[in-house]
């Protein structure tokens, strides 16, 4: 069997991360002890849309409680890009696509545009047949001491079947600042650990969302064999009206790296 999969005593096939789990048996012990309890719409969070994050709005996100963490998760209606964009031509059509280079690198290049744009997965996947993308953001809070707790944030693309509403799989977004397990690189300035007596879980989650919206995407994590910049230029784009343009290619081809993450794979998704 593939090294990323194992069979539990009950016969169920499960995925595990061999870099974290040295012995496959330990993942089954973890599964038998971990009780996922989800409170639907438990946390009210502030999301943003519009230029310069000028239109905040409330959303009710779910909270899943495990034996050792509290995970608050929900869907972003749009994905923000704070980065450098470049002009590209696709079959005679001019588009802006993310370049992900640091803004200071192209201060005098007229073909490079610094700014913030929102990408709408619903608009982009209108011509993709029976599949569509949802953008999952999750903040997992773990107590690290008597008075401290740490938060880890994740961003993944979920592919759903339009006709059955079934989850096809969790995929790695072809953007920088996201590790291969879906964890977001929040930057050195982000306080991932805080005092649990002064910061509630709700404040930690909102701080994570605000930091994600305001951070600048760059090429720091593009070190793997997957050319995220090339794939992103076909997946993300804006036409002359600065509206999300249709994808240049099929989603199944562009989203070709699945995320294997025990927590994210076992959240009770409802489409």
Protein backbone atom coordinates (compact mmCIF):
# COMPACT_ATOMS: atom_id res chain seq x y z
CA UNK A 1 0.00 0.00 0.00
CA UNK A 2 1.06 3.58 -0.60
CA UNK A 3 3.21 4.91 2.26
CA UNK A 4 0.73 7.71 2.86
CA UNK A 5 -2.12 5.28 3.57
CA UNK A 6 -2.74 2.47 6.05
CA UNK A 7 -5.58 0.13 7.00
CA UNK A 8 -7.12 0.37 10.44
CA UNK A 9 -8.23 -2.69 12.43
CA UNK A 10 -11.79 -2.07 11.24
CA UNK A 11 -10.65 -2.23 7.62
CA UNK A 12 -10.99 1.50 6.97
CA UNK A 13 -8.31 3.09 4.82
CA UNK A 14 -6.93 6.26 6.37
CA UNK A 15 -4.28 8.80 5.41
CA UNK A 16 -1.47 9.79 7.74
CA UNK A 17 1.64 11.92 7.59
CA UNK A 18 4.71 9.68 7.97
CA UNK A 19 6.86 12.69 8.89
CA UNK A 20 4.74 13.18 12.01
CA UNK A 21 3.49 9.67 12.71
CA UNK A 22 6.42 7.29 13.02
CA UNK A 23 4.23 4.25 13.58
CA UNK A 24 0.96 3.79 11.63
CA UNK A 25 -0.54 2.13 14.69
CA UNK A 26 -0.36 5.36 16.65
CA UNK A 27 -2.74 7.09 14.24
CA UNK A 28 -5.39 4.47 15.01
CA UNK A 29 -4.88 4.98 18.73
CA UNK A 30 -5.33 8.71 18.11
CA UNK A 31 -8.50 8.08 16.09
CA UNK A 32 -10.05 5.90 18.79
CA UNK A 33 -9.42 8.54 21.46
CA UNK A 34 -10.30 11.65 19.50
CA UNK A 35 -13.95 12.64 19.63
CA UNK A 36 -14.89 15.30 17.09
CA UNK A 37 -17.71 17.51 18.34
CA UNK A 38 -18.83 20.29 16.02
CA UNK A 39 -20.86 23.36 16.93
CA UNK A 40 -22.44 24.70 13.74
CA UNK A 41 -22.18 28.46 13.32
CA UNK A 42 -20.68 28.86 16.79
CA UNK A 43 -18.19 31.65 16.03
CA UNK A 44 -19.07 34.96 14.42
CA UNK A 45 -16.15 36.27 12.37
CA UNK A 46 -15.56 39.36 10.26
CA UNK A 47 -14.61 38.78 6.61
CA UNK A 48 -13.87 41.37 3.95
CA UNK A 49 -14.69 42.20 0.36
CA UNK A 50 -14.25 45.26 -1.81
CA UNK A 51 -11.21 47.37 -2.63
CA UNK A 52 -8.84 47.97 0.31
CA UNK A 53 -10.99 45.69 2.49
CA UNK A 54 -13.60 48.43 2.62
CA UNK A 55 -16.62 46.14 3.01
CA UNK A 56 -16.49 44.03 6.18
CA UNK A 57 -19.30 41.55 6.79
CA UNK A 58 -20.14 38.93 9.40
CA UNK A 59 -20.12 35.18 8.86
CA UNK A 60 -20.93 32.34 11.25
CA UNK A 61 -18.22 29.70 11.23
CA UNK A 62 -18.21 26.22 12.70
CA UNK A 63 -16.11 25.09 15.65
CA UNK A 64 -14.89 21.51 15.96
CA UNK A 65 -13.59 20.44 19.37
CA UNK A 66 -11.16 17.52 19.66
CA UNK A 67 -9.37 16.09 22.67
CA UNK A 68 -6.49 18.51 22.31
CA UNK A 69 -7.58 21.44 20.14
CA UNK A 70 -10.35 23.81 19.12
CA UNK A 71 -10.64 24.30 15.36
CA UNK A 72 -12.75 27.15 13.98
CA UNK A 73 -13.35 26.88 10.26
CA UNK A 74 -15.43 28.24 7.43
CA UNK A 75 -15.36 29.33 3.82
CA UNK A 76 -13.98 32.49 2.29
CA UNK A 77 -16.34 33.72 -0.46
CA UNK A 78 -13.34 35.24 -2.25
CA UNK A 79 -9.58 34.86 -2.07
CA UNK A 80 -7.57 38.04 -1.68
CA UNK A 81 -4.28 38.62 -3.50
CA UNK A 82 -2.01 41.33 -2.08
CA UNK A 83 0.90 41.04 -4.45
CA UNK A 84 2.44 42.13 -7.74
CA UNK A 85 0.49 41.36 -10.91
CA UNK A 86 1.69 41.11 -14.47
CA UNK A 87 -0.05 41.49 -17.81
CA UNK A 88 -0.26 38.29 -19.85
CA UNK A 89 -1.98 37.30 -23.09
CA UNK A 90 -4.01 34.10 -23.35
CA UNK A 91 -5.33 33.29 -26.84
CA UNK A 92 -5.61 36.98 -27.70
CA UNK A 93 -7.17 37.87 -24.34
CA UNK A 94 -5.32 40.23 -22.01
CA UNK A 95 -5.33 39.33 -18.35
CA UNK A 96 -3.78 40.34 -15.08
CA UNK A 97 -2.30 37.38 -13.22
CA UNK A 98 -0.41 37.22 -9.90
CA UNK A 99 3.36 37.27 -10.22
CA UNK A 100 4.09 36.81 -6.49
CA UNK A 101 7.36 38.73 -6.66
CA UNK A 102 8.16 41.21 -3.95
CA UNK A 103 6.79 44.69 -4.82
CA UNK A 104 10.21 46.29 -4.37
CA UNK A 105 11.62 44.17 -7.21
CA UNK A 106 9.55 45.84 -9.94
CA UNK A 107 9.15 49.45 -8.91
CA UNK A 108 10.20 50.70 -12.39
CA UNK A 109 8.63 47.97 -14.53
CA UNK A 110 5.51 49.25 -16.31
CA UNK A 111 4.23 45.72 -16.95
CA UNK A 112 4.08 45.01 -13.21
CA UNK A 113 1.19 46.29 -11.14
CA UNK A 114 1.10 46.30 -7.35
CA UNK A 115 -2.33 45.99 -5.77
CA UNK A 116 -5.03 43.93 -4.09
CA UNK A 117 -7.61 41.89 -5.96
CA UNK A 118 -10.24 39.37 -4.98
CA UNK A 119 -10.64 36.09 -6.86
CA UNK A 120 -14.17 34.67 -6.92
CA UNK A 121 -14.16 30.84 -7.24
CA UNK A 122 -17.86 30.74 -8.13
CA UNK A 123 -17.39 33.01 -11.14
CA UNK A 124 -14.21 31.27 -12.20
CA UNK A 125 -15.76 27.80 -12.18
CA UNK A 126 -19.00 28.61 -13.98
CA UNK A 127 -17.73 26.83 -17.10
CA UNK A 128 -16.19 23.88 -15.27
CA UNK A 129 -19.08 21.44 -15.61
CA UNK A 130 -20.02 19.54 -12.48
CA UNK A 131 -17.20 20.69 -10.20
CA UNK A 132 -16.58 23.83 -8.21
CA UNK A 133 -14.08 25.14 -5.67
CA UNK A 134 -14.68 26.26 -2.10
CA UNK A 135 -11.96 28.06 -0.13
CA UNK A 136 -11.58 26.62 3.38
CA UNK A 137 -9.86 28.66 6.11
CA UNK A 138 -9.28 26.93 9.44
CA UNK A 139 -7.71 28.15 12.68
CA UNK A 140 -6.66 25.38 15.05
CA UNK A 141 -5.94 26.46 18.62
CA UNK A 142 -3.94 24.18 20.93
CA UNK A 143 -3.08 24.80 24.57
CA UNK A 144 0.72 24.76 24.93
CA UNK A 145 0.97 25.49 28.66
CA UNK A 146 -1.00 26.44 31.73
CA UNK A 147 -1.40 30.01 30.48
CA UNK A 148 -0.43 29.83 26.80
CA UNK A 149 -2.05 28.64 23.62
CA UNK A 150 -0.92 28.52 19.99
CA UNK A 151 -2.84 28.86 16.74
CA UNK A 152 -2.07 27.24 13.40
CA UNK A 153 -3.93 28.45 10.31
CA UNK A 154 -4.75 26.45 7.20
CA UNK A 155 -5.93 27.31 3.70
CA UNK A 156 -7.04 24.60 1.28
CA UNK A 157 -9.14 24.34 -1.85
CA UNK A 158 -12.00 21.88 -1.63
CA UNK A 159 -13.36 20.43 -4.82
CA UNK A 160 -17.08 19.58 -4.74
CA UNK A 161 -19.36 17.80 -7.18
CA UNK A 162 -22.13 20.22 -8.16
CA UNK A 163 -24.74 17.52 -8.74
CA UNK A 164 -24.21 15.47 -5.56
CA UNK A 165 -22.63 18.13 -3.29
CA UNK A 166 -20.06 15.51 -2.33
CA UNK A 167 -16.51 16.45 -1.43
CA UNK A 168 -14.12 15.18 -4.09
CA UNK A 169 -10.99 16.10 -2.16
CA UNK A 170 -8.83 18.65 -0.36
CA UNK A 171 -6.22 20.24 -2.62
CA UNK A 172 -3.19 22.46 -2.19
CA UNK A 173 -3.86 25.98 -3.53
CA UNK A 174 -1.23 26.83 -6.16
CA UNK A 175 -0.19 29.96 -4.30
CA UNK A 176 2.86 30.77 -2.18
CA UNK A 177 2.79 31.15 1.60
CA UNK A 178 1.01 27.79 1.97
CA UNK A 179 2.93 24.66 3.00
CA UNK A 180 2.20 21.27 1.46
CA UNK A 181 -0.01 20.26 4.40
CA UNK A 182 -2.17 23.36 3.90
CA UNK A 183 -0.61 25.35 6.76
CA UNK A 184 -0.31 29.07 6.06
CA UNK A 185 3.03 30.79 6.57
CA UNK A 186 1.78 33.77 8.56
CA UNK A 187 5.15 35.53 8.77
CA UNK A 188 7.45 36.35 11.67
CA UNK A 189 5.33 39.27 12.84
CA UNK A 190 2.25 37.12 13.48
CA UNK A 191 1.92 36.19 17.21
CA UNK A 192 1.14 32.47 16.89
CA UNK A 193 1.45 31.93 20.66
CA UNK A 194 -0.34 34.08 23.22
CA UNK A 195 -1.50 34.27 26.82
CA UNK A 196 -4.67 32.22 27.20
CA UNK A 197 -5.89 34.31 30.12
CA UNK A 198 -6.12 37.46 28.00
CA UNK A 199 -6.91 36.13 24.52
CA UNK A 200 -10.05 34.16 23.78
CA UNK A 201 -10.26 31.67 20.95
CA UNK A 202 -12.50 34.09 19.08
CA UNK A 203 -9.89 36.84 19.24
CA UNK A 204 -7.18 34.47 18.05
CA UNK A 205 -9.26 33.39 15.06
CA UNK A 206 -10.18 36.96 14.10
CA UNK A 207 -6.56 38.04 14.44
CA UNK A 208 -5.59 35.20 12.09
CA UNK A 209 -8.18 36.24 9.51
CA UNK A 210 -7.17 39.91 9.66
CA UNK A 211 -3.50 39.04 9.29
CA UNK A 212 -4.23 36.76 6.33
CA UNK A 213 -6.21 39.46 4.52
CA UNK A 214 -3.54 42.10 5.05
CA UNK A 215 -0.40 40.04 4.38
CA UNK A 216 1.54 40.24 1.11
CA UNK A 217 1.99 37.06 -0.92
CA UNK A 218 5.51 36.39 -2.14
CA UNK A 219 7.67 33.53 -3.37
CA UNK A 220 9.17 32.50 -0.04
CA UNK A 221 7.74 28.97 -0.09
CA UNK A 222 8.01 28.18 -3.80
CA UNK A 223 10.76 25.62 -3.41
CA UNK A 224 9.00 22.39 -4.41
CA UNK A 225 8.86 20.73 -7.80
CA UNK A 226 5.41 22.11 -8.55
CA UNK A 227 5.49 25.33 -10.55
CA UNK A 228 2.88 27.23 -8.56
CA UNK A 229 3.45 30.43 -10.49
CA UNK A 230 2.72 28.78 -13.85
CA UNK A 231 -0.33 26.95 -12.55
CA UNK A 232 -1.66 30.04 -10.75
CA UNK A 233 -1.48 32.07 -13.97
CA UNK A 234 -3.92 29.59 -15.50
CA UNK A 235 -6.14 29.30 -12.44
CA UNK A 236 -6.32 32.93 -11.29
CA UNK A 237 -6.90 35.90 -13.55
CA UNK A 238 -8.69 39.20 -13.99
CA UNK A 239 -9.94 40.66 -17.24
CA UNK A 240 -9.99 44.34 -18.23
CA UNK A 241 -12.96 44.97 -15.93
CA UNK A 242 -11.03 43.54 -12.98
CA UNK A 243 -13.56 40.76 -12.60
CA UNK A 244 -12.57 37.14 -12.08
CA UNK A 245 -11.85 35.60 -15.46
CA UNK A 246 -12.68 31.97 -16.40
CA UNK A 247 -9.98 29.40 -15.77
CA UNK A 248 -7.45 28.61 -18.46
CA UNK A 249 -7.77 24.84 -18.27
CA UNK A 250 -9.61 22.19 -16.29
CA UNK A 251 -9.67 22.30 -12.49
CA UNK A 252 -8.75 18.62 -12.24
CA UNK A 253 -5.52 19.30 -14.12
CA UNK A 254 -4.62 22.49 -12.29
CA UNK A 255 -5.37 21.17 -8.79
CA UNK A 256 -3.19 18.09 -8.88
CA UNK A 257 -1.71 18.00 -5.36
CA UNK A 258 -3.94 16.58 -2.63
CA UNK A 259 -3.50 17.71 0.96
CA UNK A 260 -3.18 14.88 3.49
CA UNK A 261 -4.03 16.38 6.87
CA UNK A 262 -5.73 14.30 9.57
CA UNK A 263 -7.61 17.20 11.15
CA UNK A 264 -8.75 18.80 7.88
CA UNK A 265 -9.71 15.45 6.35
CA UNK A 266 -12.00 14.63 9.27
CA UNK A 267 -13.93 17.88 9.71
CA UNK A 268 -17.69 17.33 9.13
CA UNK A 269 -18.07 19.23 5.87
CA UNK A 270 -21.52 20.14 4.64
CA UNK A 271 -21.89 21.77 1.24
